[in-house]
């Protein structure tokens, strides 16, 4: 785990700030690449945390015999 990433919320906030900086386009190529690399790293961290949360929810559902929510016709709109 990267010690520079505090938690999921901090990673999302930093990723959002990076996207805004990159969208402005006033950066050097090297700085843009560094930010892009950091963004990829943060994105992977967030994806990993979301997969872990999904797995935990699946385990809880199995233990509690809960069924995952499904979209009905009314919910799909």
PDB file of N, CA and C in Angstrom:
ATOM      1  N   UNK A   1       0.842  -1.179   0.000  1.00  0.00           N
ATOM      2  CA  UNK A   1       0.000   0.000   0.000  1.00  0.00           C
ATOM      3  C   UNK A   1       0.890   1.246   0.000  1.00  0.00           C
ATOM      4  N   UNK A   2       0.453   2.240  -0.746  1.00  0.00           N
ATOM      5  CA  UNK A   2       1.197   3.488  -0.853  1.00  0.00           C
ATOM      6  C   UNK A   2       0.966   4.328   0.406  1.00  0.00           C
ATOM      7  N   UNK A   3       2.036   4.624   1.146  1.00  0.00           N
ATOM      8  CA  UNK A   3       1.853   5.408   2.376  1.00  0.00           C
ATOM      9  C   UNK A   3       1.459   6.861   2.122  1.00  0.00           C
ATOM     10  N   UNK A   4       1.575   7.316   0.877  1.00  0.00           N
ATOM     11  CA  UNK A   4       1.198   8.699   0.573  1.00  0.00           C
ATOM     12  C   UNK A   4      -0.298   8.857   0.359  1.00  0.00           C
ATOM     13  N   UNK A   5      -1.013   7.731   0.267  1.00  0.00           N
ATOM     14  CA  UNK A   5      -2.473   7.796   0.096  1.00  0.00           C
ATOM     15  C   UNK A   5      -3.113   7.504   1.443  1.00  0.00           C
ATOM     16  N   UNK A   6      -3.808   8.495   1.957  1.00  0.00           N
ATOM     17  CA  UNK A   6      -4.410   8.397   3.288  1.00  0.00           C
ATOM     18  C   UNK A   6      -5.582   7.424   3.317  1.00  0.00           C
ATOM     19  N   UNK A   7      -6.547   7.628   2.431  1.00  0.00           N
ATOM     20  CA  UNK A   7      -7.730   6.781   2.377  1.00  0.00           C
ATOM     21  C   UNK A   7      -8.449   7.004   1.051  1.00  0.00           C
ATOM     22  N   UNK A   8      -9.562   6.307   0.866  1.00  0.00           N
ATOM     23  CA  UNK A   8     -10.315   6.375  -0.387  1.00  0.00           C
ATOM     24  C   UNK A   8     -10.752   7.804  -0.690  1.00  0.00           C
ATOM     25  N   UNK A   9     -11.316   8.466   0.294  1.00  0.00           N
ATOM     26  CA  UNK A   9     -11.834   9.821   0.086  1.00  0.00           C
ATOM     27  C   UNK A   9     -10.719  10.783  -0.290  1.00  0.00           C
ATOM     28  N   UNK A  10      -9.571  10.659   0.360  1.00  0.00           N
ATOM     29  CA  UNK A  10      -8.429  11.516   0.039  1.00  0.00           C
ATOM     30  C   UNK A  10      -7.922  11.230  -1.369  1.00  0.00           C
ATOM     31  N   UNK A  11      -7.917   9.965  -1.746  1.00  0.00           N
ATOM     32  CA  UNK A  11      -7.467   9.587  -3.088  1.00  0.00           C
ATOM     33  C   UNK A  11      -8.396  10.162  -4.150  1.00  0.00           C
ATOM     34  N   UNK A  12      -9.694  10.093  -3.923  1.00  0.00           N
ATOM     35  CA  UNK A  12     -10.666  10.650  -4.872  1.00  0.00           C
ATOM     36  C   UNK A  12     -10.483  12.165  -4.988  1.00  0.00           C
ATOM     37  N   UNK A  13     -10.289  12.831  -3.855  1.00  0.00           N
ATOM     38  CA  UNK A  13     -10.109  14.284  -3.868  1.00  0.00           C
ATOM     39  C   UNK A  13      -8.840  14.670  -4.635  1.00  0.00           C
ATOM     40  N   UNK A  14      -7.752  13.933  -4.394  1.00  0.00           N
ATOM     41  CA  UNK A  14      -6.511  14.225  -5.105  1.00  0.00           C
ATOM     42  C   UNK A  14      -6.660  13.936  -6.595  1.00  0.00           C
ATOM     43  N   UNK A  15      -7.324  12.857  -6.918  1.00  0.00           N
ATOM     44  CA  UNK A  15      -7.551  12.510  -8.325  1.00  0.00           C
ATOM     45  C   UNK A  15      -8.371  13.595  -9.018  1.00  0.00           C
ATOM     46  N   UNK A  16      -9.377  14.106  -8.344  1.00  0.00           N
ATOM     47  CA  UNK A  16     -10.192  15.184  -8.893  1.00  0.00           C
ATOM     48  C   UNK A  16      -9.341  16.432  -9.148  1.00  0.00           C
ATOM     49  N   UNK A  17      -8.461  16.772  -8.210  1.00  0.00           N
ATOM     50  CA  UNK A  17      -7.584  17.934  -8.372  1.00  0.00           C
ATOM     51  C   UNK A  17      -6.625  17.737  -9.548  1.00  0.00           C
ATOM     52  N   UNK A  18      -6.124  16.525  -9.714  1.00  0.00           N
ATOM     53  CA  UNK A  18      -5.218  16.227 -10.828  1.00  0.00           C
ATOM     54  C   UNK A  18      -5.937  16.387 -12.158  1.00  0.00           C
ATOM     55  N   UNK A  19      -7.147  15.873 -12.235  1.00  0.00           N
ATOM     56  CA  UNK A  19      -7.920  15.981 -13.480  1.00  0.00           C
ATOM     57  C   UNK A  19      -8.135  17.454 -13.828  1.00  0.00           C
ATOM     58  N   UNK A  20      -8.481  18.266 -12.842  1.00  0.00           N
ATOM     59  CA  UNK A  20      -8.696  19.690 -13.095  1.00  0.00           C
ATOM     60  C   UNK A  20      -7.423  20.366 -13.607  1.00  0.00           C
ATOM     61  N   UNK A  21      -6.267  20.039 -12.989  1.00  0.00           N
ATOM     62  CA  UNK A  21      -4.995  20.618 -13.438  1.00  0.00           C
ATOM     63  C   UNK A  21      -4.679  20.200 -14.869  1.00  0.00           C
ATOM     64  N   UNK A  22      -4.886  18.926 -15.166  1.00  0.00           N
ATOM     65  CA  UNK A  22      -4.595  18.440 -16.510  1.00  0.00           C
ATOM     66  C   UNK A  22      -5.536  19.052 -17.542  1.00  0.00           C
ATOM     67  N   UNK A  23      -6.777  19.265 -17.170  1.00  0.00           N
ATOM     68  CA  UNK A  23      -7.742  19.867 -18.088  1.00  0.00           C
ATOM     69  C   UNK A  23      -7.406  21.318 -18.409  1.00  0.00           C
ATOM     70  N   UNK A  24      -6.775  22.013 -17.472  1.00  0.00           N
ATOM     71  CA  UNK A  24      -6.381  23.399 -17.719  1.00  0.00           C
ATOM     72  C   UNK A  24      -5.342  23.487 -18.827  1.00  0.00           C
ATOM     73  N   UNK A  25      -4.453  22.503 -18.903  1.00  0.00           N
ATOM     74  CA  UNK A  25      -3.494  22.422 -19.985  1.00  0.00           C
ATOM     75  C   UNK A  25      -2.335  23.398 -19.924  1.00  0.00           C
ATOM     76  N   UNK A  26      -2.124  24.052 -18.814  1.00  0.00           N
ATOM     77  CA  UNK A  26      -1.039  25.033 -18.693  1.00  0.00           C
ATOM     78  C   UNK A  26       0.214  24.441 -18.063  1.00  0.00           C
ATOM     79  N   UNK A  27       0.425  23.148 -18.189  1.00  0.00           N
ATOM     80  CA  UNK A  27       1.541  22.467 -17.551  1.00  0.00           C
ATOM     81  C   UNK A  27       2.574  22.027 -18.581  1.00  0.00           C
ATOM     82  N   UNK A  28       3.784  21.855 -18.107  1.00  0.00           N
ATOM     83  CA  UNK A  28       4.811  21.309 -18.991  1.00  0.00           C
ATOM     84  C   UNK A  28       4.506  19.837 -19.252  1.00  0.00           C
ATOM     85  N   UNK A  29       5.122  19.318 -20.277  1.00  0.00           N
ATOM     86  CA  UNK A  29       4.918  17.912 -20.606  1.00  0.00           C
ATOM     87  C   UNK A  29       5.340  17.020 -19.443  1.00  0.00           C
ATOM     88  N   UNK A  30       6.493  17.307 -18.853  1.00  0.00           N
ATOM     89  CA  UNK A  30       6.990  16.494 -17.744  1.00  0.00           C
ATOM     90  C   UNK A  30       6.041  16.526 -16.554  1.00  0.00           C
ATOM     91  N   UNK A  31       5.561  17.699 -16.209  1.00  0.00           N
ATOM     92  CA  UNK A  31       4.612  17.827 -15.097  1.00  0.00           C
ATOM     93  C   UNK A  31       3.317  17.094 -15.414  1.00  0.00           C
ATOM     94  N   UNK A  32       2.850  17.224 -16.640  1.00  0.00           N
ATOM     95  CA  UNK A  32       1.632  16.520 -17.053  1.00  0.00           C
ATOM     96  C   UNK A  32       1.808  15.013 -16.924  1.00  0.00           C
ATOM     97  N   UNK A  33       2.949  14.505 -17.347  1.00  0.00           N
ATOM     98  CA  UNK A  33       3.207  13.064 -17.244  1.00  0.00           C
ATOM     99  C   UNK A  33       3.259  12.610 -15.797  1.00  0.00           C
ATOM    100  N   UNK A  34       3.901  13.408 -14.947  1.00  0.00           N
ATOM    101  CA  UNK A  34       3.978  13.056 -13.526  1.00  0.00           C
ATOM    102  C   UNK A  34       2.583  13.019 -12.904  1.00  0.00           C
ATOM    103  N   UNK A  35       1.767  14.017 -13.224  1.00  0.00           N
ATOM    104  CA  UNK A  35       0.403  14.046 -12.699  1.00  0.00           C
ATOM    105  C   UNK A  35      -0.424  12.889 -13.235  1.00  0.00           C
ATOM    106  N   UNK A  36      -0.237  12.577 -14.511  1.00  0.00           N
ATOM    107  CA  UNK A  36      -0.969  11.461 -15.112  1.00  0.00           C
ATOM    108  C   UNK A  36      -0.593  10.151 -14.408  1.00  0.00           C
ATOM    109  N   UNK A  37       0.694   9.943 -14.190  1.00  0.00           N
ATOM    110  CA  UNK A  37       1.144   8.726 -13.491  1.00  0.00           C
ATOM    111  C   UNK A  37       0.555   8.643 -12.093  1.00  0.00           C
ATOM    112  N   UNK A  38       0.547   9.769 -11.385  1.00  0.00           N
ATOM    113  CA  UNK A  38      -0.035   9.789 -10.047  1.00  0.00           C
ATOM    114  C   UNK A  38      -1.534   9.490 -10.124  1.00  0.00           C
ATOM    115  N   UNK A  39      -2.192  10.049 -11.119  1.00  0.00           N
ATOM    116  CA  UNK A  39      -3.614   9.791 -11.301  1.00  0.00           C
ATOM    117  C   UNK A  39      -3.914   8.326 -11.553  1.00  0.00           C
ATOM    118  N   UNK A  40      -3.085   7.682 -12.371  1.00  0.00           N
ATOM    119  CA  UNK A  40      -3.264   6.247 -12.624  1.00  0.00           C
ATOM    120  C   UNK A  40      -3.095   5.470 -11.326  1.00  0.00           C
ATOM    121  N   UNK A  41      -2.085   5.838 -10.557  1.00  0.00           N
ATOM    122  CA  UNK A  41      -1.839   5.157  -9.281  1.00  0.00           C
ATOM    123  C   UNK A  41      -3.036   5.333  -8.340  1.00  0.00           C
ATOM    124  N   UNK A  42      -3.548   6.555  -8.250  1.00  0.00           N
ATOM    125  CA  UNK A  42      -4.713   6.817  -7.395  1.00  0.00           C
ATOM    126  C   UNK A  42      -5.942   6.066  -7.887  1.00  0.00           C
ATOM    127  N   UNK A  43      -6.126   6.024  -9.189  1.00  0.00           N
ATOM    128  CA  UNK A  43      -7.258   5.319  -9.772  1.00  0.00           C
ATOM    129  C   UNK A  43      -7.205   3.833  -9.432  1.00  0.00           C
ATOM    130  N   UNK A  44      -6.029   3.256  -9.538  1.00  0.00           N
ATOM    131  CA  UNK A  44      -5.871   1.832  -9.198  1.00  0.00           C
ATOM    132  C   UNK A  44      -6.142   1.591  -7.726  1.00  0.00           C
ATOM    133  N   UNK A  45      -5.677   2.494  -6.871  1.00  0.00           N
ATOM    134  CA  UNK A  45      -5.927   2.390  -5.438  1.00  0.00           C
ATOM    135  C   UNK A  45      -7.435   2.399  -5.170  1.00  0.00           C
ATOM    136  N   UNK A  46      -8.137   3.362  -5.778  1.00  0.00           N
ATOM    137  CA  UNK A  46      -9.581   3.475  -5.572  1.00  0.00           C
ATOM    138  C   UNK A  46     -10.310   2.245  -6.095  1.00  0.00           C
ATOM    139  N   UNK A  47      -9.916   1.776  -7.263  1.00  0.00           N
ATOM    140  CA  UNK A  47     -10.537   0.581  -7.841  1.00  0.00           C
ATOM    141  C   UNK A  47     -10.349  -0.616  -6.911  1.00  0.00           C
ATOM    142  N   UNK A  48      -9.160  -0.748  -6.365  1.00  0.00           N
ATOM    143  CA  UNK A  48      -8.874  -1.846  -5.447  1.00  0.00           C
ATOM    144  C   UNK A  48      -9.750  -1.757  -4.197  1.00  0.00           C
ATOM    145  N   UNK A  49      -9.883  -0.557  -3.639  1.00  0.00           N
ATOM    146  CA  UNK A  49     -10.716  -0.385  -2.444  1.00  0.00           C
ATOM    147  C   UNK A  49     -12.181  -0.690  -2.746  1.00  0.00           C
ATOM    148  N   UNK A  50     -12.653  -0.290  -3.906  1.00  0.00           N
ATOM    149  CA  UNK A  50     -14.035  -0.581  -4.275  1.00  0.00           C
ATOM    150  C   UNK A  50     -14.259  -2.075  -4.453  1.00  0.00           C
ATOM    151  N   UNK A  51     -13.291  -2.771  -5.039  1.00  0.00           N
ATOM    152  CA  UNK A  51     -13.409  -4.223  -5.179  1.00  0.00           C
ATOM    153  C   UNK A  51     -13.432  -4.893  -3.815  1.00  0.00           C
ATOM    154  N   UNK A  52     -12.594  -4.409  -2.886  1.00  0.00           N
ATOM    155  CA  UNK A  52     -12.590  -4.967  -1.529  1.00  0.00           C
ATOM    156  C   UNK A  52     -13.943  -4.750  -0.859  1.00  0.00           C
ATOM    157  N   UNK A  53     -14.501  -3.571  -1.006  1.00  0.00           N
ATOM    158  CA  UNK A  53     -15.805  -3.282  -0.407  1.00  0.00           C
ATOM    159  C   UNK A  53     -16.881  -4.170  -1.013  1.00  0.00           C
ATOM    160  N   UNK A  54     -16.840  -4.347  -2.321  1.00  0.00           N
ATOM    161  CA  UNK A  54     -17.812  -5.217  -2.988  1.00  0.00           C
ATOM    162  C   UNK A  54     -17.704  -6.645  -2.474  1.00  0.00           C
ATOM    163  N   UNK A  55     -16.480  -7.106  -2.288  1.00  0.00           N
ATOM    164  CA  UNK A  55     -16.268  -8.466  -1.782  1.00  0.00           C
ATOM    165  C   UNK A  55     -16.820  -8.597  -0.361  1.00  0.00           C
ATOM    166  N   UNK A  56     -16.578  -7.603   0.481  1.00  0.00           N
ATOM    167  CA  UNK A  56     -17.092  -7.639   1.843  1.00  0.00           C
ATOM    168  C   UNK A  56     -18.616  -7.667   1.851  1.00  0.00           C
ATOM    169  N   UNK A  57     -19.234  -6.906   0.962  1.00  0.00           N
ATOM    170  CA  UNK A  57     -20.694  -6.872   0.873  1.00  0.00           C
ATOM    171  C   UNK A  57     -21.223  -8.230   0.424  1.00  0.00           C
ATOM    172  N   UNK A  58     -20.541  -8.848  -0.530  1.00  0.00           N
ATOM    173  CA  UNK A  58     -20.957 -10.178  -0.983  1.00  0.00           C
ATOM    174  C   UNK A  58     -20.898 -11.185   0.163  1.00  0.00           C
ATOM    175  N   UNK A  59     -19.842 -11.118   0.971  1.00  0.00           N
ATOM    176  CA  UNK A  59     -19.723 -12.027   2.114  1.00  0.00           C
ATOM    177  C   UNK A  59     -20.855 -11.779   3.107  1.00  0.00           C
ATOM    178  N   UNK A  60     -21.126 -10.517   3.395  1.00  0.00           N
ATOM    179  CA  UNK A  60     -22.219 -10.201   4.317  1.00  0.00           C
ATOM    180  C   UNK A  60     -23.556 -10.675   3.776  1.00  0.00           C
ATOM    181  N   UNK A  61     -23.766 -10.510   2.480  1.00  0.00           N
ATOM    182  CA  UNK A  61     -25.014 -10.963   1.870  1.00  0.00           C
ATOM    183  C   UNK A  61     -25.151 -12.467   1.976  1.00  0.00           C
ATOM    184  N   UNK A  62     -24.066 -13.185   1.771  1.00  0.00           N
ATOM    185  CA  UNK A  62     -24.121 -14.647   1.867  1.00  0.00           C
ATOM    186  C   UNK A  62     -24.415 -15.086   3.291  1.00  0.00           C
ATOM    187  N   UNK A  63     -23.778 -14.455   4.251  1.00  0.00           N
ATOM    188  CA  UNK A  63     -23.981 -14.829   5.656  1.00  0.00           C
ATOM    189  C   UNK A  63     -25.390 -14.484   6.128  1.00  0.00           C
ATOM    190  N   UNK A  64     -25.901 -13.370   5.653  1.00  0.00           N
ATOM    191  CA  UNK A  64     -27.228 -12.938   6.070  1.00  0.00           C
ATOM    192  C   UNK A  64     -28.309 -13.396   5.122  1.00  0.00           C
ATOM    193  N   UNK A  65     -27.910 -14.145   4.113  1.00  0.00           N
ATOM    194  CA  UNK A  65     -28.823 -14.643   3.100  1.00  0.00           C
ATOM    195  C   UNK A  65     -29.614 -13.516   2.450  1.00  0.00           C
ATOM    196  N   UNK A  66     -28.952 -12.381   2.281  1.00  0.00           N
ATOM    197  CA  UNK A  66     -29.584 -11.265   1.597  1.00  0.00           C
ATOM    198  C   UNK A  66     -29.333 -11.414   0.103  1.00  0.00           C
ATOM    199  N   UNK A  67     -30.242 -10.928  -0.669  1.00  0.00           N
ATOM    200  CA  UNK A  67     -30.084 -10.967  -2.123  1.00  0.00           C
ATOM    201  C   UNK A  67     -29.668  -9.578  -2.607  1.00  0.00           C
ATOM    202  N   UNK A  68     -28.796  -9.530  -3.620  1.00  0.00           N
ATOM    203  CA  UNK A  68     -28.419  -8.216  -4.145  1.00  0.00           C
ATOM    204  C   UNK A  68     -29.627  -7.518  -4.746  1.00  0.00           C
ATOM    205  N   UNK A  69     -29.641  -6.206  -4.635  1.00  0.00           N
ATOM    206  CA  UNK A  69     -30.741  -5.420  -5.192  1.00  0.00           C
ATOM    207  C   UNK A  69     -30.713  -5.515  -6.694  1.00  0.00           C
ATOM    208  N   UNK A  70     -31.884  -5.675  -7.280  1.00  0.00           N
ATOM    209  CA  UNK A  70     -31.994  -5.727  -8.739  1.00  0.00           C
ATOM    210  C   UNK A  70     -32.864  -4.571  -9.186  1.00  0.00           C
ATOM    211  N   UNK A  71     -32.616  -4.099 -10.378  1.00  0.00           N
ATOM    212  CA  UNK A  71     -33.408  -3.005 -10.928  1.00  0.00           C
ATOM    213  C   UNK A  71     -34.687  -3.567 -11.522  1.00  0.00           C
ATOM    214  N   UNK A  72     -35.790  -2.999 -11.091  1.00  0.00           N
ATOM    215  CA  UNK A  72     -37.070  -3.353 -11.698  1.00  0.00           C
ATOM    216  C   UNK A  72     -37.317  -2.466 -12.897  1.00  0.00           C
ATOM    217  N   UNK A  73     -38.424  -2.671 -13.567  1.00  0.00           N
ATOM    218  CA  UNK A  73     -38.743  -1.868 -14.738  1.00  0.00           C
ATOM    219  C   UNK A  73     -38.826  -0.388 -14.390  1.00  0.00           C
ATOM    220  N   UNK A  74     -39.365  -0.073 -13.211  1.00  0.00           N
ATOM    221  CA  UNK A  74     -39.510   1.328 -12.798  1.00  0.00           C
ATOM    222  C   UNK A  74     -38.163   1.940 -12.474  1.00  0.00           C
ATOM    223  N   UNK A  75     -37.204   1.154 -11.962  1.00  0.00           N
ATOM    224  CA  UNK A  75     -35.902   1.663 -11.565  1.00  0.00           C
ATOM    225  C   UNK A  75     -34.980   1.855 -12.750  1.00  0.00           C
ATOM    226  N   UNK A  76     -35.214   1.240 -13.858  1.00  0.00           N
ATOM    227  CA  UNK A  76     -34.311   1.286 -14.997  1.00  0.00           C
ATOM    228  C   UNK A  76     -34.429   2.588 -15.774  1.00  0.00           C
ATOM    229  N   UNK A  77     -35.427   3.396 -15.487  1.00  0.00           N
ATOM    230  CA  UNK A  77     -35.608   4.645 -16.229  1.00  0.00           C
ATOM    231  C   UNK A  77     -34.683   5.718 -15.792  1.00  0.00           C
TER     232      UNK A  77
END
